[in-house]
Amino acid sequence: MQKRSLRSTLTLAAVLLGAAALLGMPAAAQQVEAPPPPQQQPEAAPPEQPEAAPPPEEAPQMQMPQQPQPPDVPDVVATVNGEEISGEDFQEAFMQFSQMMMMQGQQPLSEQEVLDQLINTRILEIRAEEAGIEVPDEDVQEQLDELAEQFGGQEQLAQLLQQQGIDPDELEDMIRQDLRNAAFRDQVADVEVTDEEVQEMYEELREMGEFEEGERAEIQHIFIEGMTEEDLEAGQQAITDAYQRLADGEEFDDVAMDVSEDPTTAQEGGRMELERGMLPGMPEFEEQAFEAPIGEVTEPFMSEQGWHILRVIERHEAGTVELEEVEDEIRDFVRQNKQGEELQQWVEAERAEMDIEILMDPAAEPEAPAAPEAPELDPDVMLE
C-alpha cells in the first residue's frame, strides 16, 4: 500500500534505501515470531548425490533506464527569508528524486517540482526552528538502530555509508532534522481519524483486491549454491554438515546465519515468507514449503539453484485479510492523507508570507529517457 505523503525532501535514510537497491544490497527480510528450536534429528547419512544437471541458461538481464543528468544551475538556486538553497543541494536532490522515482517505475520530477520541494522543506525547517522543537537523542538513536536493522546490522550500514561517501554524523543530523520536521508537521496538521473513515478505506481497498492473499508459508531456509558440477559436490558436503549441526541440536537461526548463501535471508536466520506459485522454476522448493510437516527440519534436497534445507514455521490459507489485521496501517494511511491536505494549504499560505527569491530558470519537464523493452524471462531459470 503506497502512502501519500507531503514529506518534502528525501532524508539520507531514504537515499540509503535507494542506494542499497542499486548496489544490490538487500534489506532484511520480513521478521516473524521466533520459532522453537528444531526437533532433535537422528544422525543422518549424507544425502545421495543425484546426477549433476547441466547448468540452466543464463537469464537475460534487465537493464535500468539511464537516469537524467543533473542540470546546470547557479551556485544559489533560491533564497527563503534570506536562507540560501545551494545549487549543489538542488542537484543532489534532483538525482536522489530521479533515482527513487525510477526505482518505483514512475516519471522523474521536473526541475520545478524539485525546487518546490526544497523550498517547502526550507519553510518547514525555518518554522520548526522558530517553534523551538527539540528532538531527544534517544529518538535519533532509535531511528539509527532501525535503519541498521534494515541492512542486516551496523557493519552493513557502515559499509553502505562509506560507499555513498556519507559521514555518520551527517546521517544523524539529517535524521534529527527529519524528526523535527515531522513533529512540527504534526503540530500544524493535528488530524483525527474516525473508525468510520478506516472502515470506508478498508472497503475501498478491498474492492480493488488489495487484501487478497494466496496460500502462504512462513519458513526458515538454508541454501548452498550448486549451479555447476564443482559447486554441486562442494555444496553436498556443506549442506550435509549443516544438516548434521541441526541434528545435533543447534538452532536453525545460528546455522543459517553461519552457512546459508541466500543473502536476503541468511542474516534473519533464514526466515522468509513464500506464497504458492512464487517460484515456478523451483517445484521441489515449493513442495517442501507447502507439504513438509510444520516444525520439522527437512532432509537436504536439490533444486536447479542448489542445495536446500527447510523448516516450516507456519502456513496460512488463501483468503482476504481482515480489517483487524491491517487496521493500524489503514488508520495511518488515512491520517497521512488528511494531514497532507492540511499541510498543503499551510505551505501555500506560508509561501505567500515568506520572502522567496528564485535564482534559476527551471525546466518545466525532466528529460525522461525511454526505458528499454523488458526481455522475455524464462521462469524455469529465474529465482525470485
Protein backbone atom coordinates (compact mmCIF):
# COMPACT_ATOMS: atom_id res chain seq x y z
CA MET A 1 0.00 0.00 0.00
CA GLN A 2 1.57 3.28 -1.02
CA LYS A 3 1.15 6.13 1.42
CA ARG A 4 0.64 9.62 0.12
CA SER A 5 2.97 11.90 2.00
CA LEU A 6 3.91 15.56 1.97
CA ARG A 7 7.41 14.89 3.19
CA SER A 8 9.08 17.45 1.01
CA THR A 9 12.59 16.09 0.90
CA LEU A 10 14.45 12.80 0.96
CA THR A 11 16.25 12.04 4.19
CA LEU A 12 19.60 10.33 3.94
CA ALA A 13 17.85 7.25 5.30
CA ALA A 14 15.58 7.17 2.26
CA VAL A 15 18.53 7.81 -0.02
CA LEU A 16 20.36 4.88 1.54
CA LEU A 17 17.44 2.59 0.83
CA GLY A 18 17.58 3.61 -2.81
CA ALA A 19 21.34 3.30 -2.97
CA ALA A 20 21.23 -0.14 -1.41
CA ALA A 21 18.84 -1.39 -4.07
CA LEU A 22 21.07 -0.11 -6.86
CA LEU A 23 24.14 -1.58 -5.19
CA GLY A 24 22.44 -4.95 -4.81
CA MET A 25 22.48 -4.84 -1.01
CA PRO A 26 19.24 -6.44 0.22
CA ALA A 27 17.32 -5.04 3.15
CA ALA A 28 16.41 -7.53 5.86
CA ALA A 29 13.59 -9.98 5.16
CA GLN A 30 10.31 -9.60 6.96
CA GLN A 31 10.63 -10.82 10.51
CA VAL A 32 8.29 -13.34 12.06
CA GLU A 33 7.98 -14.58 15.61
CA ALA A 34 10.94 -16.67 16.62
CA PRO A 35 10.07 -20.40 16.44
CA PRO A 36 11.11 -23.04 18.95
CA PRO A 37 14.43 -24.81 18.26
CA PRO A 38 14.41 -27.58 15.64
CA GLN A 39 13.48 -31.03 16.81
CA GLN A 40 16.33 -33.42 17.53
CA GLN A 41 17.01 -35.39 14.37
CA PRO A 42 18.65 -38.80 14.17
CA GLU A 43 22.14 -38.77 12.81
CA ALA A 44 21.79 -38.66 9.07
CA ALA A 45 23.91 -40.18 6.39
CA PRO A 46 24.97 -37.79 3.67
CA PRO A 47 22.18 -37.41 1.12
CA GLU A 48 22.68 -39.32 -2.07
CA GLN A 49 24.11 -37.12 -4.76
CA PRO A 50 21.96 -37.05 -7.88
CA GLU A 51 23.42 -36.81 -11.33
CA ALA A 52 24.67 -33.32 -11.96
CA ALA A 53 22.23 -31.46 -14.14
CA PRO A 54 23.66 -29.09 -16.72
CA PRO A 55 23.54 -25.50 -15.53
CA PRO A 56 20.50 -23.59 -16.77
CA GLU A 57 20.93 -20.96 -19.42
CA GLU A 58 21.77 -17.58 -18.01
CA ALA A 59 18.69 -15.43 -17.74
CA PRO A 60 18.69 -12.21 -19.73
CA GLN A 61 19.43 -9.23 -17.56
CA MET A 62 17.00 -6.36 -17.13
CA GLN A 63 18.69 -3.03 -17.74
CA MET A 64 17.81 0.08 -15.81
CA PRO A 65 16.97 3.10 -17.95
CA GLN A 66 19.64 5.73 -17.73
CA GLN A 67 18.62 8.39 -15.25
CA PRO A 68 18.63 12.10 -16.14
CA GLN A 69 21.82 14.06 -15.69
CA PRO A 70 21.91 16.83 -13.06
CA PRO A 71 21.03 20.17 -14.69
CA ASP A 72 23.39 23.12 -14.81
CA VAL A 73 22.26 25.60 -12.17
CA PRO A 74 23.73 28.66 -10.43
CA ASP A 75 25.59 28.38 -7.13
CA VAL A 76 22.43 29.52 -5.32
CA VAL A 77 19.07 28.48 -6.80
CA ALA A 78 16.74 30.22 -4.34
CA THR A 79 16.53 32.01 -1.01
CA VAL A 80 13.82 31.67 1.65
CA ASN A 81 13.74 34.55 4.13
CA GLY A 82 17.38 35.15 3.26
CA GLU A 83 18.43 31.49 3.74
CA GLU A 84 20.10 30.06 0.66
CA ILE A 85 19.32 26.84 -1.19
CA SER A 86 22.54 25.96 -2.97
CA GLY A 87 22.87 24.65 -6.50
CA GLU A 88 24.76 21.68 -5.10
CA ASP A 89 21.83 20.80 -2.83
CA PHE A 90 19.45 21.16 -5.77
CA GLN A 91 21.50 18.85 -8.00
CA GLU A 92 21.82 16.27 -5.22
CA ALA A 93 18.08 16.35 -4.54
CA PHE A 94 17.33 16.17 -8.27
CA MET A 95 19.39 13.00 -8.65
CA GLN A 96 18.02 11.46 -5.44
CA PHE A 97 14.45 12.03 -6.52
CA SER A 98 15.21 10.71 -10.01
CA GLN A 99 16.74 7.56 -8.56
CA MET A 100 13.86 6.92 -6.20
CA MET A 101 11.18 7.59 -8.83
CA MET A 102 12.89 5.32 -11.36
CA MET A 103 13.07 2.50 -8.83
CA GLN A 104 9.31 2.87 -8.38
CA GLY A 105 8.72 2.90 -12.14
CA GLN A 106 7.48 6.48 -12.09
CA GLN A 107 8.25 9.59 -14.12
CA PRO A 108 11.09 11.68 -12.65
CA LEU A 109 10.17 15.00 -11.11
CA SER A 110 10.67 18.16 -13.13
CA GLU A 111 13.22 20.75 -12.09
CA GLN A 112 10.38 23.00 -10.94
CA GLU A 113 8.90 20.24 -8.79
CA VAL A 114 12.26 19.52 -7.16
CA LEU A 115 12.79 23.22 -6.48
CA ASP A 116 9.31 23.49 -4.94
CA GLN A 117 10.08 20.52 -2.70
CA LEU A 118 13.29 22.13 -1.49
CA ILE A 119 11.57 25.46 -0.84
CA ASN A 120 8.77 23.74 1.09
CA THR A 121 11.35 21.87 3.14
CA ARG A 122 13.22 25.06 3.98
CA ILE A 123 9.93 26.66 5.07
CA LEU A 124 9.26 23.72 7.39
CA GLU A 125 12.78 23.88 8.82
CA ILE A 126 12.56 27.62 9.46
CA ARG A 127 9.20 27.38 11.19
CA ALA A 128 10.20 24.27 13.17
CA GLU A 129 13.32 26.05 14.43
CA GLU A 130 11.27 29.11 15.34
CA ALA A 131 8.89 26.84 17.27
CA GLY A 132 11.83 25.57 19.37
CA ILE A 133 11.14 21.89 18.72
CA GLU A 134 13.80 19.64 20.29
CA VAL A 135 14.41 16.02 19.30
CA PRO A 136 15.62 13.68 22.08
CA ASP A 137 18.86 11.82 21.38
CA GLU A 138 17.14 8.52 22.13
CA ASP A 139 14.66 9.14 19.28
CA VAL A 140 17.52 9.69 16.85
CA GLN A 141 19.28 6.56 18.08
CA GLU A 142 16.11 4.53 17.68
CA GLN A 143 15.89 5.59 14.04
CA LEU A 144 19.56 4.75 13.51
CA ASP A 145 19.07 1.31 15.06
CA GLU A 146 16.04 0.62 12.87
CA LEU A 147 17.96 1.68 9.78
CA ALA A 148 20.88 -0.59 10.69
CA GLU A 149 18.47 -3.47 11.21
CA GLN A 150 17.08 -2.98 7.71
CA PHE A 151 20.54 -3.59 6.27
CA GLY A 152 21.44 -6.55 8.47
CA GLY A 153 23.46 -4.77 11.13
CA GLN A 154 25.73 -1.87 11.96
CA GLU A 155 28.58 -3.24 9.85
CA GLN A 156 26.47 -3.39 6.69
CA LEU A 157 25.13 0.12 7.30
CA ALA A 158 28.65 1.46 7.83
CA GLN A 159 29.72 -0.18 4.57
CA LEU A 160 26.91 1.47 2.65
CA LEU A 161 27.64 4.85 4.22
CA GLN A 162 31.25 4.53 3.13
CA GLN A 163 30.25 3.54 -0.41
CA GLN A 164 27.99 6.57 -0.64
CA GLY A 165 30.52 8.94 0.87
CA ILE A 166 28.22 9.83 3.77
CA ASP A 167 29.60 10.72 7.16
CA PRO A 168 27.76 9.00 10.06
CA ASP A 169 27.37 12.37 11.80
CA GLU A 170 25.72 13.73 8.65
CA LEU A 171 23.22 10.88 8.68
CA GLU A 172 22.46 11.54 12.35
CA ASP A 173 21.94 15.26 11.70
CA MET A 174 19.59 14.55 8.80
CA ILE A 175 17.55 12.10 10.84
CA ARG A 176 17.31 14.64 13.66
CA GLN A 177 16.13 17.32 11.22
CA ASP A 178 13.60 14.96 9.69
CA LEU A 179 12.19 14.07 13.11
CA ARG A 180 12.00 17.77 13.97
CA ASN A 181 10.13 18.48 10.74
CA ALA A 182 7.78 15.55 11.37
CA ALA A 183 6.99 16.79 14.89
CA PHE A 184 6.26 20.25 13.54
CA ARG A 185 4.04 18.84 10.79
CA ASP A 186 2.05 17.04 13.45
CA GLN A 187 1.58 20.34 15.26
CA VAL A 188 0.49 22.17 12.10
CA ALA A 189 -1.86 19.42 10.92
CA ASP A 190 -3.21 17.69 14.03
CA VAL A 191 -5.84 15.48 12.43
CA GLU A 192 -8.10 12.76 13.81
CA VAL A 193 -9.22 9.62 12.04
CA THR A 194 -12.58 8.04 12.85
CA ASP A 195 -13.40 4.34 12.82
CA GLU A 196 -15.88 5.05 10.02
CA GLU A 197 -13.10 6.51 7.84
CA VAL A 198 -10.92 3.46 8.47
CA GLN A 199 -13.79 1.11 7.57
CA GLU A 200 -14.57 3.07 4.41
CA MET A 201 -10.95 2.99 3.26
CA TYR A 202 -10.69 -0.73 4.01
CA GLU A 203 -13.77 -1.45 1.90
CA GLU A 204 -12.44 0.69 -0.95
CA LEU A 205 -9.07 -1.05 -0.96
CA ARG A 206 -10.63 -4.49 -0.59
CA GLU A 207 -12.79 -3.90 -3.68
CA MET A 208 -9.56 -3.12 -5.52
CA GLY A 209 -8.21 -6.54 -4.49
CA GLU A 210 -5.60 -5.02 -2.18
CA PHE A 211 -6.18 -7.53 0.62
CA GLU A 212 -6.45 -10.79 -1.31
CA GLU A 213 -3.70 -13.21 -0.33
CA GLY A 214 -2.77 -16.59 -1.71
CA GLU A 215 -1.70 -19.60 0.33
CA ARG A 216 1.46 -18.66 2.22
CA ALA A 217 4.14 -20.44 4.19
CA GLU A 218 6.49 -18.93 6.75
CA ILE A 219 9.71 -20.91 6.62
CA GLN A 220 13.35 -20.98 7.58
CA HIS A 221 15.77 -21.79 4.80
CA ILE A 222 19.40 -22.78 4.38
CA PHE A 223 20.71 -22.52 0.82
CA ILE A 224 24.02 -23.69 -0.66
CA GLU A 225 24.68 -22.87 -4.29
CA GLY A 226 25.09 -25.74 -6.75
CA MET A 227 24.85 -24.42 -10.30
CA THR A 228 27.92 -26.27 -11.65
CA GLU A 229 29.30 -29.77 -11.16
CA GLU A 230 32.05 -28.38 -8.91
CA ASP A 231 29.52 -26.39 -6.84
CA LEU A 232 27.32 -29.46 -6.63
CA GLU A 233 29.98 -31.58 -4.98
CA ALA A 234 31.13 -28.88 -2.57
CA GLY A 235 27.52 -27.93 -1.85
CA GLN A 236 26.61 -31.51 -0.98
CA GLN A 237 29.27 -31.59 1.71
CA ALA A 238 28.31 -28.15 3.03
CA ILE A 239 24.59 -28.94 3.23
CA THR A 240 25.32 -32.32 4.86
CA ASP A 241 27.42 -30.61 7.50
CA ALA A 242 24.67 -28.05 8.11
CA TYR A 243 22.06 -30.81 8.44
CA GLN A 244 24.22 -32.65 10.95
CA ARG A 245 24.59 -29.48 13.04
CA LEU A 246 20.80 -29.21 13.18
CA ALA A 247 20.54 -32.88 14.09
CA ASP A 248 23.00 -32.26 16.91
CA GLY A 249 20.65 -29.63 18.34
CA GLU A 250 21.99 -26.32 17.05
CA GLU A 251 19.47 -23.54 16.47
CA PHE A 252 18.30 -23.16 12.89
CA ASP A 253 18.90 -19.40 13.16
CA ASP A 254 22.56 -19.89 14.04
CA VAL A 255 23.28 -22.43 11.31
CA ALA A 256 21.50 -20.36 8.66
CA MET A 257 23.36 -17.19 9.62
CA ASP A 258 26.64 -19.12 9.55
CA VAL A 259 26.41 -21.07 6.27
CA SER A 260 23.41 -20.05 4.16
CA GLU A 261 24.31 -18.43 0.83
CA ASP A 262 20.95 -16.70 0.41
CA PRO A 263 21.89 -13.04 1.01
CA THR A 264 18.29 -11.87 1.50
CA THR A 265 17.50 -14.22 4.38
CA ALA A 266 20.70 -15.53 5.96
CA GLN A 267 21.07 -12.71 8.48
CA GLU A 268 17.47 -13.26 9.57
CA GLY A 269 18.06 -16.86 10.47
CA GLY A 270 16.84 -17.99 7.05
CA ARG A 271 13.33 -16.63 7.63
CA MET A 272 11.19 -15.83 4.64
CA GLU A 273 7.54 -15.87 3.61
CA LEU A 274 6.58 -17.68 0.42
CA GLU A 275 3.29 -17.50 -1.48
CA ARG A 276 2.30 -20.55 -3.51
CA GLY A 277 3.25 -20.04 -7.14
CA MET A 278 6.00 -17.51 -6.45
CA LEU A 279 8.78 -19.86 -7.61
CA PRO A 280 7.54 -21.68 -10.71
CA GLY A 281 11.07 -22.76 -11.61
CA MET A 282 11.67 -24.45 -8.23
CA PRO A 283 8.90 -27.03 -7.74
CA GLU A 284 10.98 -29.01 -5.24
CA PHE A 285 11.33 -25.97 -3.01
CA GLU A 286 7.64 -25.12 -3.13
CA GLU A 287 6.63 -28.74 -2.50
CA GLN A 288 8.64 -28.86 0.72
CA ALA A 289 7.39 -25.44 1.85
CA PHE A 290 3.74 -26.43 1.47
CA GLU A 291 3.82 -30.15 2.27
CA ALA A 292 6.57 -30.76 4.85
CA PRO A 293 5.32 -31.21 8.44
CA ILE A 294 5.27 -27.97 10.38
CA GLY A 295 8.18 -27.64 12.79
CA GLU A 296 10.30 -30.45 11.34
CA VAL A 297 13.60 -29.94 9.54
CA THR A 298 13.60 -31.43 6.04
CA GLU A 299 16.41 -33.59 4.79
CA PRO A 300 18.67 -31.81 2.29
CA PHE A 301 17.18 -31.64 -1.20
CA MET A 302 18.09 -30.10 -4.53
CA SER A 303 16.58 -27.63 -6.95
CA GLU A 304 18.03 -26.15 -10.11
CA GLN A 305 19.64 -23.48 -7.94
CA GLY A 306 21.45 -25.74 -5.49
CA TRP A 307 21.00 -27.44 -2.11
CA HIS A 308 18.32 -26.59 0.45
CA ILE A 309 17.13 -27.38 3.96
CA LEU A 310 13.74 -26.05 5.09
CA ARG A 311 11.83 -25.78 8.30
CA VAL A 312 8.17 -24.73 8.07
CA ILE A 313 7.18 -22.34 10.84
CA GLU A 314 3.55 -21.75 9.91
CA ARG A 315 1.16 -21.87 6.96
CA HIS A 316 -1.73 -19.58 6.08
CA GLU A 317 -4.69 -20.43 3.88
CA ALA A 318 -5.58 -18.21 0.95
CA GLY A 319 -8.20 -15.58 1.71
CA THR A 320 -8.96 -11.96 2.41
CA VAL A 321 -7.04 -10.06 5.07
CA GLU A 322 -9.49 -8.95 7.75
CA LEU A 323 -9.73 -5.34 8.87
CA GLU A 324 -8.36 -6.16 12.32
CA GLU A 325 -5.07 -7.29 10.78
CA VAL A 326 -4.45 -4.04 8.88
CA GLU A 327 -6.42 -1.51 10.92
CA ASP A 328 -3.35 0.32 12.23
CA GLU A 329 -1.81 0.62 8.77
CA ILE A 330 -5.06 1.88 7.25
CA ARG A 331 -5.56 4.38 10.06
CA ASP A 332 -2.06 5.73 9.46
CA PHE A 333 -2.72 5.82 5.70
CA VAL A 334 -5.91 7.86 6.16
CA ARG A 335 -4.22 10.12 8.70
CA GLN A 336 -1.37 10.91 6.32
CA ASN A 337 -3.80 11.71 3.52
CA LYS A 338 -5.78 14.09 5.72
CA GLN A 339 -2.64 15.61 7.15
CA GLY A 340 -1.23 16.07 3.66
CA GLU A 341 -4.23 18.10 2.57
CA GLU A 342 -3.92 20.42 5.57
CA LEU A 343 -0.17 20.73 5.14
CA GLN A 344 -0.59 21.68 1.51
CA GLN A 345 -2.85 24.55 2.48
CA TRP A 346 -0.44 25.59 5.25
CA VAL A 347 2.58 25.57 2.92
CA GLU A 348 0.77 27.65 0.31
CA ALA A 349 -0.13 30.22 2.96
CA GLU A 350 3.44 30.32 4.29
CA ARG A 351 4.90 30.77 0.83
CA ALA A 352 2.72 33.84 0.40
CA GLU A 353 4.04 35.27 3.68
CA MET A 354 7.74 34.49 3.23
CA ASP A 355 10.31 36.32 1.15
CA ILE A 356 11.15 33.75 -1.54
CA GLU A 357 13.51 34.58 -4.40
CA ILE A 358 14.04 32.18 -7.31
CA LEU A 359 17.51 32.48 -8.84
CA MET A 360 17.28 29.78 -11.52
CA ASP A 361 15.07 29.17 -14.53
CA PRO A 362 13.89 25.59 -14.03
CA ALA A 363 12.80 23.50 -16.98
CA ALA A 364 9.14 22.52 -16.82
CA GLU A 365 9.64 18.84 -17.57
CA PRO A 366 12.52 16.43 -16.93
CA GLU A 367 14.33 14.74 -19.78
CA ALA A 368 12.91 11.27 -19.21
CA PRO A 369 14.84 8.62 -21.16
CA ALA A 370 12.76 5.86 -22.65
CA ALA A 371 13.06 2.60 -20.77
CA PRO A 372 14.28 -0.33 -22.87
CA GLU A 373 11.81 -3.07 -23.59
CA ALA A 374 11.98 -5.81 -21.00
CA PRO A 375 13.30 -9.10 -22.39
CA GLU A 376 11.19 -12.20 -22.06
CA LEU A 377 12.29 -14.10 -18.99
CA ASP A 378 12.27 -17.87 -18.73
CA PRO A 379 10.60 -18.67 -15.37
CA ASP A 380 12.38 -22.03 -15.25
CA VAL A 381 15.74 -20.36 -14.75
CA MET A 382 14.72 -17.40 -12.65
CA LEU A 383 14.76 -17.32 -8.85
CA GLU A 384 12.66 -14.54 -7.41
